[in-house]
């Protein structure tokens, strides 16, 4: 009597589950790392935007008025909490010869530690 059974053995099913478990153990941490890396890159983009706003204000005042604006005027124009939309929580504060820019939250996720950058006040217009 010949049996024509179709299906998988228990060993084959267990082997597939082990392989899937190994793939998941490698893929999930990598995915989480990619998310964090993407948030850091987005925060650096927000910092670049704030720097751009400060430089633009400085250049406009210099070209239109022929006078160099003070660092305090540039910082006041950008504001202490620049509005970059709902995706970012950004701070901009005077620091030495310029300002410090810090991003503390991206897309509702706190950045610990905060991603920071700096804007240096131009000395030679």
C-alpha atoms as a PDB file:
ATOM      1  CA  UNK A   1       0.000   0.000   0.000  1.00  0.00           C
ATOM      2  CA  UNK A   2       1.487   3.358  -1.102  1.00  0.00           C
ATOM      3  CA  UNK A   3       0.741   6.409   0.951  1.00  0.00           C
ATOM      4  CA  UNK A   4       0.543   9.777  -0.789  1.00  0.00           C
ATOM      5  CA  UNK A   5       0.653  12.192   2.114  1.00  0.00           C
ATOM      6  CA  UNK A   6       1.215  15.898   1.598  1.00  0.00           C
ATOM      7  CA  UNK A   7       2.340  18.402   4.198  1.00  0.00           C
ATOM      8  CA  UNK A   8       5.272  19.349   6.372  1.00  0.00           C
ATOM      9  CA  UNK A   9       6.908  17.382   9.113  1.00  0.00           C
ATOM     10  CA  UNK A  10       7.300  18.800  12.586  1.00  0.00           C
ATOM     11  CA  UNK A  11      11.068  19.088  12.066  1.00  0.00           C
ATOM     12  CA  UNK A  12      10.591  21.185   8.909  1.00  0.00           C
ATOM     13  CA  UNK A  13       8.197  23.539  10.688  1.00  0.00           C
ATOM     14  CA  UNK A  14      10.570  23.951  13.634  1.00  0.00           C
ATOM     15  CA  UNK A  15      13.485  24.655  11.259  1.00  0.00           C
ATOM     16  CA  UNK A  16      11.490  27.397   9.530  1.00  0.00           C
ATOM     17  CA  UNK A  17      10.520  28.926  12.892  1.00  0.00           C
ATOM     18  CA  UNK A  18      14.160  28.926  14.042  1.00  0.00           C
ATOM     19  CA  UNK A  19      15.255  30.658  10.832  1.00  0.00           C
ATOM     20  CA  UNK A  20      12.480  33.271  11.200  1.00  0.00           C
ATOM     21  CA  UNK A  21      13.479  33.832  14.835  1.00  0.00           C
ATOM     22  CA  UNK A  22      17.109  34.438  13.862  1.00  0.00           C
ATOM     23  CA  UNK A  23      16.077  36.880  11.125  1.00  0.00           C
ATOM     24  CA  UNK A  24      13.811  38.754  13.536  1.00  0.00           C
ATOM     25  CA  UNK A  25      16.556  38.910  16.188  1.00  0.00           C
ATOM     26  CA  UNK A  26      18.845  40.599  13.659  1.00  0.00           C
ATOM     27  CA  UNK A  27      16.307  42.792  11.840  1.00  0.00           C
ATOM     28  CA  UNK A  28      14.400  44.369  14.745  1.00  0.00           C
ATOM     29  CA  UNK A  29      17.412  46.008  16.470  1.00  0.00           C
ATOM     30  CA  UNK A  30      18.677  47.225  13.098  1.00  0.00           C
ATOM     31  CA  UNK A  31      15.274  48.775  12.380  1.00  0.00           C
ATOM     32  CA  UNK A  32      15.271  50.550  15.741  1.00  0.00           C
ATOM     33  CA  UNK A  33      18.802  51.864  15.089  1.00  0.00           C
ATOM     34  CA  UNK A  34      17.695  53.163  11.686  1.00  0.00           C
ATOM     35  CA  UNK A  35      14.784  55.016  13.273  1.00  0.00           C
ATOM     36  CA  UNK A  36      17.070  56.701  15.797  1.00  0.00           C
ATOM     37  CA  UNK A  37      19.583  57.581  13.088  1.00  0.00           C
ATOM     38  CA  UNK A  38      16.806  59.102  10.984  1.00  0.00           C
ATOM     39  CA  UNK A  39      15.668  61.248  13.937  1.00  0.00           C
ATOM     40  CA  UNK A  40      19.226  62.497  14.491  1.00  0.00           C
ATOM     41  CA  UNK A  41      19.568  63.378  10.802  1.00  0.00           C
ATOM     42  CA  UNK A  42      16.204  65.181  10.872  1.00  0.00           C
ATOM     43  CA  UNK A  43      17.343  67.128  13.945  1.00  0.00           C
ATOM     44  CA  UNK A  44      20.544  68.125  12.145  1.00  0.00           C
ATOM     45  CA  UNK A  45      18.398  69.339   9.261  1.00  0.00           C
ATOM     46  CA  UNK A  46      16.373  71.458  11.684  1.00  0.00           C
ATOM     47  CA  UNK A  47      19.601  72.926  13.064  1.00  0.00           C
ATOM     48  CA  UNK A  48      20.686  73.798   9.530  1.00  0.00           C
ATOM     49  CA  UNK A  49      17.332  75.537   8.977  1.00  0.00           C
ATOM     50  CA  UNK A  50      17.783  77.713  12.078  1.00  0.00           C
ATOM     51  CA  UNK A  51      21.346  78.578  11.021  1.00  0.00           C
ATOM     52  CA  UNK A  52      20.024  79.529   7.619  1.00  0.00           C
ATOM     53  CA  UNK A  53      17.395  81.819   9.142  1.00  0.00           C
ATOM     54  CA  UNK A  54      20.044  83.569  11.266  1.00  0.00           C
ATOM     55  CA  UNK A  55      22.381  83.992   8.296  1.00  0.00           C
ATOM     56  CA  UNK A  56      19.563  85.252   6.109  1.00  0.00           C
ATOM     57  CA  UNK A  57      18.535  87.894   8.655  1.00  0.00           C
ATOM     58  CA  UNK A  58      22.166  88.982   9.030  1.00  0.00           C
ATOM     59  CA  UNK A  59      22.631  89.265   5.249  1.00  0.00           C
ATOM     60  CA  UNK A  60      19.364  91.133   4.660  1.00  0.00           C
ATOM     61  CA  UNK A  61      20.149  93.731   7.327  1.00  0.00           C
ATOM     62  CA  UNK A  62      23.709  94.144   6.056  1.00  0.00           C
ATOM     63  CA  UNK A  63      22.674  94.547   2.412  1.00  0.00           C
ATOM     64  CA  UNK A  64      19.607  96.755   2.956  1.00  0.00           C
ATOM     65  CA  UNK A  65      20.907  99.001   5.713  1.00  0.00           C
ATOM     66  CA  UNK A  66      24.631  98.829   5.108  1.00  0.00           C
ATOM     67  CA  UNK A  67      25.058  98.276   8.842  1.00  0.00           C
ATOM     68  CA  UNK A  68      26.072  95.086  10.595  1.00  0.00           C
ATOM     69  CA  UNK A  69      23.278  93.843  12.877  1.00  0.00           C
ATOM     70  CA  UNK A  70      24.196  92.886  16.418  1.00  0.00           C
ATOM     71  CA  UNK A  71      24.261  89.261  17.486  1.00  0.00           C
ATOM     72  CA  UNK A  72      21.382  90.027  19.862  1.00  0.00           C
ATOM     73  CA  UNK A  73      19.287  91.379  16.974  1.00  0.00           C
ATOM     74  CA  UNK A  74      19.937  88.253  14.921  1.00  0.00           C
ATOM     75  CA  UNK A  75      19.064  85.998  17.842  1.00  0.00           C
ATOM     76  CA  UNK A  76      15.901  88.013  18.551  1.00  0.00           C
ATOM     77  CA  UNK A  77      14.838  87.740  14.907  1.00  0.00           C
ATOM     78  CA  UNK A  78      15.058  83.948  14.951  1.00  0.00           C
ATOM     79  CA  UNK A  79      13.408  83.784  18.425  1.00  0.00           C
ATOM     80  CA  UNK A  80      14.221  81.540  21.370  1.00  0.00           C
ATOM     81  CA  UNK A  81      11.899  78.820  20.069  1.00  0.00           C
ATOM     82  CA  UNK A  82      11.967  78.866  16.261  1.00  0.00           C
ATOM     83  CA  UNK A  83       8.799  77.507  14.652  1.00  0.00           C
ATOM     84  CA  UNK A  84       9.784  74.598  12.440  1.00  0.00           C
ATOM     85  CA  UNK A  85       6.344  73.043  12.461  1.00  0.00           C
ATOM     86  CA  UNK A  86       4.883  70.358  14.682  1.00  0.00           C
ATOM     87  CA  UNK A  87       7.710  67.904  14.021  1.00  0.00           C
ATOM     88  CA  UNK A  88      10.446  69.642  16.021  1.00  0.00           C
ATOM     89  CA  UNK A  89      10.988  71.260  19.407  1.00  0.00           C
ATOM     90  CA  UNK A  90      13.937  73.622  18.963  1.00  0.00           C
ATOM     91  CA  UNK A  91      15.706  76.078  21.234  1.00  0.00           C
ATOM     92  CA  UNK A  92      17.932  78.979  20.137  1.00  0.00           C
ATOM     93  CA  UNK A  93      19.901  80.878  22.787  1.00  0.00           C
ATOM     94  CA  UNK A  94      22.838  83.277  22.897  1.00  0.00           C
ATOM     95  CA  UNK A  95      26.158  81.631  23.619  1.00  0.00           C
ATOM     96  CA  UNK A  96      29.569  83.263  23.453  1.00  0.00           C
ATOM     97  CA  UNK A  97      30.040  84.844  20.020  1.00  0.00           C
ATOM     98  CA  UNK A  98      26.894  83.350  18.537  1.00  0.00           C
ATOM     99  CA  UNK A  99      24.115  81.048  19.606  1.00  0.00           C
ATOM    100  CA  UNK A 100      23.453  77.450  20.542  1.00  0.00           C
ATOM    101  CA  UNK A 101      20.722  75.541  18.746  1.00  0.00           C
ATOM    102  CA  UNK A 102      19.273  72.464  20.430  1.00  0.00           C
ATOM    103  CA  UNK A 103      16.653  70.027  19.171  1.00  0.00           C
ATOM    104  CA  UNK A 104      14.983  68.238  22.071  1.00  0.00           C
ATOM    105  CA  UNK A 105      12.154  66.448  20.278  1.00  0.00           C
ATOM    106  CA  UNK A 106      11.533  65.033  16.795  1.00  0.00           C
ATOM    107  CA  UNK A 107       8.056  63.819  15.784  1.00  0.00           C
ATOM    108  CA  UNK A 108       6.999  63.600  19.423  1.00  0.00           C
ATOM    109  CA  UNK A 109      10.007  61.482  20.431  1.00  0.00           C
ATOM    110  CA  UNK A 110      12.382  63.085  22.969  1.00  0.00           C
ATOM    111  CA  UNK A 111      16.007  63.276  21.855  1.00  0.00           C
ATOM    112  CA  UNK A 112      18.203  62.145  24.736  1.00  0.00           C
ATOM    113  CA  UNK A 113      20.670  63.739  24.705  1.00  0.00           C
ATOM    114  CA  UNK A 114      19.461  66.737  22.713  1.00  0.00           C
ATOM    115  CA  UNK A 115      21.043  67.211  19.299  1.00  0.00           C
ATOM    116  CA  UNK A 116      22.969  70.478  19.371  1.00  0.00           C
ATOM    117  CA  UNK A 117      24.624  72.827  16.946  1.00  0.00           C
ATOM    118  CA  UNK A 118      25.909  76.370  16.995  1.00  0.00           C
ATOM    119  CA  UNK A 119      25.630  79.520  14.952  1.00  0.00           C
ATOM    120  CA  UNK A 120      28.736  81.700  14.945  1.00  0.00           C
ATOM    121  CA  UNK A 121      28.278  85.450  14.548  1.00  0.00           C
ATOM    122  CA  UNK A 122      30.191  86.593  11.435  1.00  0.00           C
ATOM    123  CA  UNK A 123      33.123  88.824  12.318  1.00  0.00           C
ATOM    124  CA  UNK A 124      34.171  90.091   8.861  1.00  0.00           C
ATOM    125  CA  UNK A 125      31.224  91.366   6.822  1.00  0.00           C
END
